[in-house]
Amino acid sequence: MTKQNQNFYTEENIKEIFLNSIFEKAMDETLNSDVNINHLENLFTNETYYSAMKIVPLLERKVLYLSYIEKLRLNEICKRLKLQKNEVIKLRAKGIMHFKSNLATLYKAENLQKGARNNEKKI
């Protein structure tokens, strides 16, 4: 992933990240044992993605899990979480926004750490 693309995630990019991670986990046959509605972050083998999802609020993670992992329809998510449609829509959007924001922050921190290490090596 290039530096330019790190800060410009679309909803489609996020879906692709989920789908790629699901495929990797399914290949390991650990998906069912590690990932549940409360621990969506366990889906990711990429440490940065894991960290970014881990700090998304729990209810938002639940909505993302039901939307993208269980692929439930909006009405089914509403029934399961006992929420109104507009609440679920807002939570999904906020979850994606938080995940994207967390990724951007983590990538910046990683780049700063790499820069500090490179400066130490030069000295």
C-alpha atoms as a PDB file:
ATOM      1  CA  MET A   1       0.000   0.000   0.000  1.00  0.00           C
ATOM      2  CA  THR A   2       1.461   3.342  -0.988  1.00  0.00           C
ATOM      3  CA  LYS A   3       1.709   6.308   1.351  1.00  0.00           C
ATOM      4  CA  GLN A   4      -0.866   8.183  -0.734  1.00  0.00           C
ATOM      5  CA  ASN A   5      -3.443   5.404  -0.424  1.00  0.00           C
ATOM      6  CA  GLN A   6      -3.020   4.938   3.329  1.00  0.00           C
ATOM      7  CA  ASN A   7      -5.137   7.964   4.182  1.00  0.00           C
ATOM      8  CA  PHE A   8      -7.841   7.605   1.521  1.00  0.00           C
ATOM      9  CA  TYR A   9      -9.899   4.535   2.370  1.00  0.00           C
ATOM     10  CA  THR A  10     -13.352   4.254   0.883  1.00  0.00           C
ATOM     11  CA  GLU A  11     -16.100   1.971   2.092  1.00  0.00           C
ATOM     12  CA  GLU A  12     -15.176  -0.349  -0.787  1.00  0.00           C
ATOM     13  CA  ASN A  13     -11.546  -0.440   0.439  1.00  0.00           C
ATOM     14  CA  ILE A  14     -12.741  -1.364   3.916  1.00  0.00           C
ATOM     15  CA  LYS A  15     -14.986  -4.125   2.528  1.00  0.00           C
ATOM     16  CA  GLU A  16     -12.021  -5.437   0.539  1.00  0.00           C
ATOM     17  CA  ILE A  17      -9.843  -5.448   3.663  1.00  0.00           C
ATOM     18  CA  PHE A  18     -12.528  -7.479   5.472  1.00  0.00           C
ATOM     19  CA  LEU A  19     -12.980  -9.908   2.588  1.00  0.00           C
ATOM     20  CA  ASN A  20      -9.243 -10.454   2.123  1.00  0.00           C
ATOM     21  CA  SER A  21      -8.817 -11.086   5.827  1.00  0.00           C
ATOM     22  CA  ILE A  22     -11.743 -13.500   5.865  1.00  0.00           C
ATOM     23  CA  PHE A  23     -10.183 -15.421   2.993  1.00  0.00           C
ATOM     24  CA  GLU A  24      -6.822 -15.625   4.775  1.00  0.00           C
ATOM     25  CA  LYS A  25      -8.480 -16.810   8.003  1.00  0.00           C
ATOM     26  CA  ALA A  26     -10.662 -19.325   6.173  1.00  0.00           C
ATOM     27  CA  MET A  27      -7.528 -20.785   4.623  1.00  0.00           C
ATOM     28  CA  ASP A  28      -6.177 -21.250   8.148  1.00  0.00           C
ATOM     29  CA  GLU A  29      -9.497 -22.788   9.231  1.00  0.00           C
ATOM     30  CA  THR A  30      -9.464 -20.655  12.398  1.00  0.00           C
ATOM     31  CA  LEU A  31     -12.199 -18.190  11.503  1.00  0.00           C
ATOM     32  CA  ASN A  32     -14.991 -19.780  13.518  1.00  0.00           C
ATOM     33  CA  SER A  33     -12.933 -20.229  16.676  1.00  0.00           C
ATOM     34  CA  ASP A  34     -11.230 -16.814  16.795  1.00  0.00           C
ATOM     35  CA  VAL A  35     -13.775 -14.339  15.451  1.00  0.00           C
ATOM     36  CA  ASN A  36     -17.085 -13.511  17.051  1.00  0.00           C
ATOM     37  CA  ILE A  37     -19.392 -10.533  17.286  1.00  0.00           C
ATOM     38  CA  ASN A  38     -17.394  -9.058  20.189  1.00  0.00           C
ATOM     39  CA  HIS A  39     -13.955  -9.657  18.694  1.00  0.00           C
ATOM     40  CA  LEU A  40     -14.031  -8.598  15.059  1.00  0.00           C
ATOM     41  CA  GLU A  41     -10.407  -7.490  15.399  1.00  0.00           C
ATOM     42  CA  ASN A  42      -9.343 -11.155  15.542  1.00  0.00           C
ATOM     43  CA  LEU A  43     -10.227 -11.378  11.861  1.00  0.00           C
ATOM     44  CA  PHE A  44      -7.056  -9.534  10.898  1.00  0.00           C
ATOM     45  CA  THR A  45      -3.639 -11.099  10.517  1.00  0.00           C
ATOM     46  CA  ASN A  46      -2.201  -7.657   9.733  1.00  0.00           C
ATOM     47  CA  GLU A  47      -1.148  -6.133  13.065  1.00  0.00           C
ATOM     48  CA  THR A  48      -2.057  -2.591  12.019  1.00  0.00           C
ATOM     49  CA  TYR A  49      -5.564  -3.601  10.927  1.00  0.00           C
ATOM     50  CA  TYR A  50      -5.973  -5.583  14.158  1.00  0.00           C
ATOM     51  CA  SER A  51      -4.964  -2.578  16.279  1.00  0.00           C
ATOM     52  CA  ALA A  52      -7.160  -0.188  14.286  1.00  0.00           C
ATOM     53  CA  MET A  53     -10.237  -2.392  14.709  1.00  0.00           C
ATOM     54  CA  LYS A  54      -9.547  -3.206  18.359  1.00  0.00           C
ATOM     55  CA  ILE A  55     -10.089   0.432  19.362  1.00  0.00           C
ATOM     56  CA  VAL A  56     -13.339   0.864  17.395  1.00  0.00           C
ATOM     57  CA  PRO A  57     -16.214   1.028  19.930  1.00  0.00           C
ATOM     58  CA  LEU A  58     -17.804  -2.361  20.614  1.00  0.00           C
ATOM     59  CA  LEU A  59     -21.298  -1.603  19.274  1.00  0.00           C
ATOM     60  CA  GLU A  60     -19.810  -0.283  16.030  1.00  0.00           C
ATOM     61  CA  ARG A  61     -17.669  -3.446  15.736  1.00  0.00           C
ATOM     62  CA  LYS A  62     -20.791  -5.551  16.263  1.00  0.00           C
ATOM     63  CA  VAL A  63     -22.619  -3.754  13.447  1.00  0.00           C
ATOM     64  CA  LEU A  64     -19.600  -4.163  11.137  1.00  0.00           C
ATOM     65  CA  TYR A  65     -19.359  -7.841  12.050  1.00  0.00           C
ATOM     66  CA  LEU A  66     -23.030  -8.492  11.331  1.00  0.00           C
ATOM     67  CA  SER A  67     -22.907  -6.447   8.122  1.00  0.00           C
ATOM     68  CA  TYR A  68     -19.712  -7.751   6.566  1.00  0.00           C
ATOM     69  CA  ILE A  69     -18.948 -11.079   8.202  1.00  0.00           C
ATOM     70  CA  GLU A  70     -22.397 -12.559   8.752  1.00  0.00           C
ATOM     71  CA  LYS A  71     -23.733 -10.508   5.794  1.00  0.00           C
ATOM     72  CA  LEU A  72     -27.042  -9.837   7.507  1.00  0.00           C
ATOM     73  CA  ARG A  73     -29.566  -7.424   6.066  1.00  0.00           C
ATOM     74  CA  LEU A  74     -30.357  -4.176   7.831  1.00  0.00           C
ATOM     75  CA  ASN A  75     -33.655  -5.482   9.249  1.00  0.00           C
ATOM     76  CA  GLU A  76     -31.949  -8.577  10.668  1.00  0.00           C
ATOM     77  CA  ILE A  77     -29.235  -6.471  12.322  1.00  0.00           C
ATOM     78  CA  CYS A  78     -31.899  -4.212  13.842  1.00  0.00           C
ATOM     79  CA  LYS A  79     -33.730  -7.194  15.330  1.00  0.00           C
ATOM     80  CA  ARG A  80     -30.573  -8.806  16.642  1.00  0.00           C
ATOM     81  CA  LEU A  81     -29.231  -5.658  18.308  1.00  0.00           C
ATOM     82  CA  LYS A  82     -32.664  -4.218  19.148  1.00  0.00           C
ATOM     83  CA  LEU A  83     -31.890  -0.933  17.398  1.00  0.00           C
ATOM     84  CA  GLN A  84     -33.676   1.295  14.907  1.00  0.00           C
ATOM     85  CA  LYS A  85     -32.605   1.291  11.230  1.00  0.00           C
ATOM     86  CA  ASN A  86     -31.189   4.802  11.377  1.00  0.00           C
ATOM     87  CA  GLU A  87     -29.116   3.877  14.454  1.00  0.00           C
ATOM     88  CA  VAL A  88     -27.615   0.845  12.690  1.00  0.00           C
ATOM     89  CA  ILE A  89     -26.836   2.914   9.585  1.00  0.00           C
ATOM     90  CA  LYS A  90     -25.117   5.573  11.723  1.00  0.00           C
ATOM     91  CA  LEU A  91     -23.193   2.964  13.724  1.00  0.00           C
ATOM     92  CA  ARG A  92     -21.953   1.278  10.535  1.00  0.00           C
ATOM     93  CA  ALA A  93     -20.805   4.609   9.106  1.00  0.00           C
ATOM     94  CA  LYS A  94     -19.140   5.585  12.398  1.00  0.00           C
ATOM     95  CA  GLY A  95     -17.444   2.185  12.639  1.00  0.00           C
ATOM     96  CA  ILE A  96     -15.975   2.567   9.172  1.00  0.00           C
ATOM     97  CA  MET A  97     -14.964   6.154   9.948  1.00  0.00           C
ATOM     98  CA  HIS A  98     -13.289   5.119  13.212  1.00  0.00           C
ATOM     99  CA  PHE A  99     -11.471   2.226  11.524  1.00  0.00           C
ATOM    100  CA  LYS A 100     -10.203   4.509   8.744  1.00  0.00           C
ATOM    101  CA  SER A 101      -9.161   7.196  11.220  1.00  0.00           C
ATOM    102  CA  ASN A 102      -7.401   4.638  13.418  1.00  0.00           C
ATOM    103  CA  LEU A 103      -5.557   3.233  10.392  1.00  0.00           C
ATOM    104  CA  ALA A 104      -4.378   6.686   9.370  1.00  0.00           C
ATOM    105  CA  THR A 105      -3.168   7.420  12.907  1.00  0.00           C
ATOM    106  CA  LEU A 106      -1.373   4.084  13.196  1.00  0.00           C
ATOM    107  CA  TYR A 107       0.319   4.496   9.810  1.00  0.00           C
ATOM    108  CA  LYS A 108       1.516   7.966  10.827  1.00  0.00           C
ATOM    109  CA  ALA A 109       2.893   6.557  14.082  1.00  0.00           C
ATOM    110  CA  GLU A 110       4.645   3.733  12.207  1.00  0.00           C
ATOM    111  CA  ASN A 111       6.199   6.217   9.786  1.00  0.00           C
ATOM    112  CA  LEU A 112       7.392   8.395  12.671  1.00  0.00           C
ATOM    113  CA  GLN A 113       8.960   5.355  14.359  1.00  0.00           C
ATOM    114  CA  LYS A 114      10.681   4.337  11.121  1.00  0.00           C
ATOM    115  CA  GLY A 115      11.989   7.884  10.711  1.00  0.00           C
ATOM    116  CA  ALA A 116      13.318   7.916  14.274  1.00  0.00           C
ATOM    117  CA  ARG A 117      15.049   4.570  13.736  1.00  0.00           C
ATOM    118  CA  ASN A 118      16.598   5.798  10.491  1.00  0.00           C
ATOM    119  CA  ASN A 119      17.884   8.922  12.250  1.00  0.00           C
ATOM    120  CA  GLU A 120      19.403   6.800  15.017  1.00  0.00           C
ATOM    121  CA  LYS A 121      21.209   4.656  12.454  1.00  0.00           C
ATOM    122  CA  LYS A 122      22.715   7.743  10.807  1.00  0.00           C
ATOM    123  CA  ILE A 123      24.211   8.957  14.081  1.00  0.00           C
END
